[in-house]
Amino acid sequence: MMDHKNKPPLKKNKAIDRQRALKPKRRRDFSAIFKLTNLLGSAFLKFAYLVFGLILISLLFISGYEFLQQSPYVKLQNIAVSGINPELKRELLEAAQLNSETSLLSINLDQVKRTMEANPWIRSVELEKQYPHTLIIRAEEQKARAIIFQERFQYINQYGEVFKEVGPQEPLDYPVITGAALKAENGASPFLRAMNVLEVLENEKSPWSLRDLAELHFQEQGNIVLYFCSLPVAIEVRENDLSAKLDELKKVVAHLKKSGQWILVRKIDLNYIEGIVVSYKKVKQPSLMKG
């Protein structure tokens, strides 16, 4: 016999099925996804248009720049150079490869400046473009004032800067600066002290002129010794006192020459408060012959 206790309640199941049939089914809402997709697509198109526009502008700019470089309207026709001699001017223009075929627009001023200042006879260069056809070059030429020997002979300019080794065919008619006591003071160039001494003699006439000075020797405690080409004596003075004692030195030398003692003089020392001390050469006394 069938067990009525395990038999499913048919009426209850039918009621549940009826409720499910009457209840509306929920549909998934994809509108948000569609909106996000449209937004992303629009942003991508805008970005693509932007990139395309930038590429187009860049191509137009490059094409225009290349056209201007070849254009005769910006060709280098005038080069105005000041501050240097013609021979040095020619060397600089050749080194920088500047000529009438050069486009003023294509000139790299920093590169040209470095190239020109690599020449040891050039201290500094300033460049300026003046469109459409002119390049202005303001150069400062190195002026040798003296020669220093430090394992090799080198030129020193008016600022006390060593700027070049003396070449085989280059002039040597400059004062030679010597002395281990030549040291820097307060961070300044040690050779600037020598330039201050040379400045005192710059406007003097022979035999005290700068061209007549053969050697400038620095001693300890600020003393210097001057050797002139036409004065075969050593002249010792403190470097800060040379300007004040130069006139007195001239009078002493004139007196020694007039008195005939000049050929016996070995050194003139100006470092005494009481006056000037003149040292004479030792003269060998003739021996007496016994009869």
Protein backbone atom coordinates (compact mmCIF):
# COMPACT_ATOMS: atom_id res chain seq x y z
CA MET A 1 0.00 0.00 0.00
CA MET A 2 1.12 3.55 -0.75
CA ASP A 3 2.29 5.57 2.18
CA HIS A 4 0.14 8.65 2.30
CA LYS A 5 2.53 10.35 4.70
CA ASN A 6 5.31 10.55 2.06
CA LYS A 7 3.05 11.71 -0.73
CA PRO A 8 3.93 15.39 -1.79
CA PRO A 9 1.35 18.04 -1.20
CA LEU A 10 0.11 18.65 -4.74
CA LYS A 11 -1.99 21.67 -3.95
CA LYS A 12 0.88 23.54 -2.26
CA ASN A 13 3.23 22.88 -5.16
CA LYS A 14 0.68 24.09 -7.67
CA ALA A 15 0.22 27.32 -5.72
CA ILE A 16 3.95 27.97 -5.71
CA ASP A 17 4.21 27.31 -9.44
CA ARG A 18 1.33 29.68 -10.05
CA GLN A 19 3.04 32.48 -8.06
CA ARG A 20 6.29 31.99 -10.01
CA ALA A 21 4.42 32.22 -13.29
CA LEU A 22 2.69 35.42 -12.26
CA LYS A 23 5.87 37.09 -10.90
CA PRO A 24 7.65 39.24 -13.66
CA LYS A 25 11.17 38.23 -14.52
CA ARG A 26 13.98 40.77 -13.82
CA ARG A 27 16.03 41.84 -16.85
CA ARG A 28 19.75 42.76 -16.55
CA ASP A 29 20.45 46.49 -17.11
CA PHE A 30 23.34 46.96 -19.61
CA SER A 31 22.82 50.70 -20.14
CA ALA A 32 25.68 51.69 -17.75
CA ILE A 33 28.11 49.47 -19.65
CA PHE A 34 27.00 51.01 -22.93
CA LYS A 35 27.50 54.52 -21.55
CA LEU A 36 31.02 53.67 -20.26
CA THR A 37 31.93 52.13 -23.62
CA ASN A 38 30.72 55.20 -25.49
CA LEU A 39 32.64 57.49 -23.10
CA LEU A 40 35.88 55.54 -23.52
CA GLY A 41 35.47 55.45 -27.27
CA SER A 42 34.91 59.20 -27.42
CA ALA A 43 37.98 59.87 -25.24
CA PHE A 44 40.12 57.60 -27.38
CA LEU A 45 39.02 59.37 -30.54
CA LYS A 46 39.77 62.75 -29.01
CA PHE A 47 43.24 61.54 -27.93
CA ALA A 48 43.89 60.11 -31.39
CA TYR A 49 42.87 63.42 -33.01
CA LEU A 50 45.17 65.27 -30.62
CA VAL A 51 48.16 63.03 -31.36
CA PHE A 52 47.49 63.27 -35.07
CA GLY A 53 47.28 67.05 -34.84
CA LEU A 54 50.55 67.28 -32.91
CA ILE A 55 52.31 65.04 -35.43
CA LEU A 56 50.98 67.16 -38.27
CA ILE A 57 52.12 70.40 -36.60
CA SER A 58 55.57 68.89 -35.93
CA LEU A 59 55.92 67.82 -39.56
CA LEU A 60 54.90 71.26 -40.74
CA PHE A 61 57.37 72.89 -38.34
CA ILE A 62 60.24 70.63 -39.44
CA SER A 63 59.45 71.22 -43.08
CA GLY A 64 59.28 74.95 -42.52
CA TYR A 65 62.55 74.96 -40.56
CA GLU A 66 64.34 73.03 -43.30
CA PHE A 67 62.92 75.40 -45.89
CA LEU A 68 64.18 78.42 -43.96
CA GLN A 69 67.64 76.85 -43.58
CA GLN A 70 67.90 76.62 -47.34
CA SER A 71 66.31 79.97 -47.93
CA PRO A 72 68.53 82.85 -49.18
CA TYR A 73 66.61 85.19 -46.87
CA VAL A 74 68.60 84.04 -43.80
CA LYS A 75 71.99 83.32 -45.37
CA LEU A 76 75.05 84.59 -43.48
CA GLN A 77 76.26 87.55 -45.49
CA ASN A 78 77.94 89.78 -42.87
CA ILE A 79 80.31 88.76 -40.07
CA ALA A 80 81.33 91.66 -37.83
CA VAL A 81 84.38 90.73 -35.73
CA SER A 82 85.97 93.04 -33.15
CA GLY A 83 88.77 92.77 -30.58
CA ILE A 84 91.27 90.60 -32.51
CA ASN A 85 93.80 90.92 -35.32
CA PRO A 86 92.98 89.84 -38.92
CA GLU A 87 95.08 86.67 -38.78
CA LEU A 88 93.35 85.47 -35.64
CA LYS A 89 89.98 86.38 -37.15
CA ARG A 90 90.69 84.17 -40.14
CA GLU A 91 91.64 81.25 -37.87
CA LEU A 92 88.44 81.56 -35.86
CA LEU A 93 86.14 81.68 -38.88
CA GLU A 94 87.84 78.64 -40.39
CA ALA A 95 87.62 76.69 -37.12
CA ALA A 96 83.90 77.50 -36.75
CA GLN A 97 83.27 76.79 -40.48
CA LEU A 98 81.44 80.07 -41.02
CA ASN A 99 81.03 81.26 -44.61
CA SER A 100 78.49 82.77 -47.02
CA GLU A 101 76.78 79.39 -47.48
CA THR A 102 75.95 79.12 -43.78
CA SER A 103 72.38 79.71 -42.68
CA LEU A 104 72.15 82.17 -39.82
CA LEU A 105 69.24 80.15 -38.46
CA SER A 106 71.30 76.95 -38.19
CA ILE A 107 74.24 78.49 -36.29
CA ASN A 108 74.55 77.07 -32.76
CA LEU A 109 75.97 79.98 -30.78
CA ASP A 110 77.10 77.85 -27.82
CA GLN A 111 78.97 75.44 -30.07
CA VAL A 112 80.62 78.27 -32.03
CA LYS A 113 81.63 79.94 -28.76
CA ARG A 114 83.27 76.73 -27.47
CA THR A 115 85.09 76.23 -30.77
CA MET A 116 86.49 79.76 -30.82
CA GLU A 117 87.48 79.81 -27.15
CA ALA A 118 89.44 76.59 -27.70
CA ASN A 119 92.03 78.76 -29.47
CA PRO A 120 94.68 79.53 -26.80
CA TRP A 121 95.01 83.13 -28.00
CA ILE A 122 91.32 83.79 -27.32
CA ARG A 123 90.27 84.61 -23.75
CA SER A 124 86.53 85.02 -24.33
CA VAL A 125 83.95 85.32 -27.10
CA GLU A 126 80.46 86.85 -27.22
CA LEU A 127 78.14 86.10 -30.16
CA GLU A 128 74.97 87.77 -31.34
CA LYS A 129 72.68 87.07 -34.29
CA GLN A 130 71.14 90.02 -36.12
CA TYR A 131 68.60 88.74 -38.61
CA PRO A 132 68.41 88.35 -41.47
CA HIS A 133 72.09 88.23 -42.51
CA THR A 134 74.53 89.33 -39.75
CA LEU A 135 76.56 87.57 -37.05
CA ILE A 136 78.38 89.78 -34.53
CA ILE A 137 81.51 88.37 -32.83
CA ARG A 138 83.08 90.24 -29.90
CA ALA A 139 86.34 88.54 -28.96
CA GLU A 140 88.96 89.29 -26.32
CA GLU A 141 92.46 88.40 -27.46
CA GLN A 142 95.04 87.12 -25.00
CA LYS A 143 97.82 89.67 -24.46
CA ALA A 144 101.09 88.15 -23.29
CA ARG A 145 102.72 90.30 -20.60
CA ALA A 146 105.37 87.96 -19.26
CA ILE A 147 106.77 84.43 -19.34
CA ILE A 148 106.85 82.00 -16.44
CA PHE A 149 108.99 78.89 -16.31
CA GLN A 150 107.30 75.92 -14.60
CA GLU A 151 108.88 72.86 -16.20
CA ARG A 152 108.26 74.67 -19.49
CA PHE A 153 107.96 78.27 -20.65
CA GLN A 154 104.40 79.64 -20.60
CA TYR A 155 102.76 82.97 -21.39
CA ILE A 156 100.95 85.01 -18.73
CA ASN A 157 98.29 87.57 -19.64
CA GLN A 158 97.51 90.91 -18.00
CA TYR A 159 95.19 89.20 -15.49
CA GLY A 160 97.96 86.98 -14.15
CA GLU A 161 96.57 83.92 -15.93
CA VAL A 162 98.78 81.31 -17.55
CA PHE A 163 97.15 80.69 -20.91
CA LYS A 164 99.59 79.04 -23.32
CA GLU A 165 102.90 77.23 -23.64
CA VAL A 166 105.48 79.18 -25.63
CA GLY A 167 105.79 77.62 -29.08
CA PRO A 168 109.06 77.10 -31.00
CA GLN A 169 108.44 80.02 -33.37
CA GLU A 170 106.74 82.35 -30.87
CA PRO A 171 108.40 85.46 -29.40
CA LEU A 172 110.39 85.38 -26.17
CA ASP A 173 110.93 89.12 -25.71
CA TYR A 174 108.91 89.34 -22.50
CA PRO A 175 110.05 89.62 -18.87
CA VAL A 176 110.69 86.24 -17.28
CA ILE A 177 109.14 85.72 -13.84
CA THR A 178 111.09 83.49 -11.46
CA GLY A 179 111.23 82.68 -7.78
CA ALA A 180 109.83 79.94 -5.55
CA ALA A 181 108.44 82.65 -3.23
CA LEU A 182 105.80 83.62 -5.79
CA LYS A 183 102.68 82.35 -4.03
CA ALA A 184 99.00 83.19 -4.02
CA GLU A 185 97.63 85.65 -1.49
CA ASN A 186 93.98 85.69 -0.35
CA GLY A 187 92.97 83.24 -3.07
CA ALA A 188 94.22 85.49 -5.88
CA SER A 189 96.43 84.35 -8.74
CA PRO A 190 100.08 84.28 -7.60
CA PHE A 191 101.08 85.87 -10.90
CA LEU A 192 98.76 88.81 -10.33
CA ARG A 193 101.40 90.16 -7.92
CA ALA A 194 103.87 90.13 -10.79
CA MET A 195 101.39 91.99 -13.01
CA ASN A 196 101.11 94.73 -10.37
CA VAL A 197 104.90 95.20 -10.50
CA LEU A 198 104.93 95.26 -14.30
CA GLU A 199 102.19 97.88 -14.29
CA VAL A 200 104.51 100.29 -12.47
CA LEU A 201 107.02 100.06 -15.35
CA GLU A 202 104.45 100.10 -18.15
CA ASN A 203 104.73 103.82 -18.93
CA GLU A 204 108.44 104.20 -18.19
CA LYS A 205 111.01 104.99 -20.87
CA SER A 206 114.25 103.15 -21.54
CA PRO A 207 116.25 101.93 -19.67
CA TRP A 208 113.41 101.47 -17.15
CA SER A 209 110.70 100.42 -19.58
CA LEU A 210 108.85 97.16 -19.54
CA ARG A 211 110.61 96.10 -22.74
CA ASP A 212 113.98 96.62 -21.00
CA LEU A 213 113.03 94.40 -18.04
CA ALA A 214 114.68 90.99 -18.48
CA GLU A 215 113.73 89.20 -15.26
CA LEU A 216 111.51 89.70 -12.24
CA HIS A 217 112.59 87.46 -9.36
CA PHE A 218 110.44 87.02 -6.26
CA GLN A 219 112.17 86.48 -2.91
CA GLU A 220 110.83 85.76 0.55
CA GLN A 221 108.99 88.39 2.63
CA GLY A 222 107.74 90.34 -0.38
CA ASN A 223 111.12 91.33 -1.80
CA ILE A 224 111.73 91.35 -5.55
CA VAL A 225 114.89 91.61 -7.65
CA LEU A 226 114.76 93.40 -11.01
CA TYR A 227 117.20 92.73 -13.83
CA PHE A 228 117.21 95.16 -16.77
CA CYS A 229 118.81 94.46 -20.15
CA SER A 230 120.82 97.70 -20.23
CA LEU A 231 121.57 97.80 -16.48
CA PRO A 232 123.90 94.93 -15.53
CA VAL A 233 123.06 95.11 -11.81
CA ALA A 234 120.52 93.51 -9.48
CA ILE A 235 117.98 95.98 -8.07
CA GLU A 236 116.32 94.76 -4.88
CA VAL A 237 113.14 96.38 -3.52
CA ARG A 238 109.92 95.45 -1.79
CA GLU A 239 107.24 94.92 -4.41
CA ASN A 240 104.90 97.45 -2.79
CA ASP A 241 107.62 100.14 -2.64
CA LEU A 242 108.77 100.13 -6.26
CA SER A 243 106.48 102.92 -7.41
CA ALA A 244 107.49 105.23 -4.54
CA LYS A 245 111.25 104.59 -4.85
CA LEU A 246 111.63 104.50 -8.62
CA ASP A 247 112.52 108.20 -8.97
CA GLU A 248 115.12 107.90 -6.22
CA LEU A 249 116.60 104.85 -7.98
CA LYS A 250 116.95 106.80 -11.22
CA LYS A 251 118.90 109.57 -9.44
CA VAL A 252 121.30 107.09 -7.83
CA VAL A 253 121.99 105.32 -11.13
CA ALA A 254 122.58 108.67 -12.89
CA HIS A 255 125.06 109.65 -10.16
CA LEU A 256 126.92 106.34 -10.37
CA LYS A 257 127.25 106.64 -14.14
CA LYS A 258 128.45 110.23 -13.93
CA SER A 259 131.04 109.40 -11.28
CA GLY A 260 132.40 106.45 -13.25
CA GLN A 261 131.51 103.92 -10.53
CA TRP A 262 128.73 102.28 -12.53
CA ILE A 263 130.87 99.50 -13.98
CA LEU A 264 131.81 98.41 -10.44
CA VAL A 265 128.26 98.16 -9.08
CA ARG A 266 126.91 94.68 -8.29
CA LYS A 267 123.60 95.38 -6.52
CA ILE A 268 121.40 98.30 -5.51
CA ASP A 269 119.23 97.69 -2.44
CA LEU A 270 116.24 100.00 -1.90
CA ASN A 271 114.97 98.30 1.25
CA TYR A 272 116.72 100.57 3.76
CA ILE A 273 114.86 103.33 5.54
CA GLU A 274 117.92 105.57 5.72
CA GLY A 275 118.49 105.45 1.97
CA ILE A 276 119.84 103.24 -0.80
CA VAL A 277 122.69 100.80 -0.33
CA VAL A 278 125.01 100.14 -3.28
CA SER A 279 127.11 96.97 -3.29
CA TYR A 280 130.25 96.84 -5.41
CA LYS A 281 132.00 94.01 -7.13
CA LYS A 282 135.12 92.64 -5.58
CA VAL A 283 138.10 93.96 -7.49
CA LYS A 284 141.25 91.90 -7.35
CA GLN A 285 144.13 94.04 -6.27
CA PRO A 286 147.21 93.77 -8.47
CA SER A 287 150.12 92.00 -6.73
CA LEU A 288 153.33 93.96 -6.14
CA MET A 289 156.40 92.69 -7.93
CA LYS A 290 159.55 92.69 -5.79
CA GLY A 291 162.72 93.75 -7.54
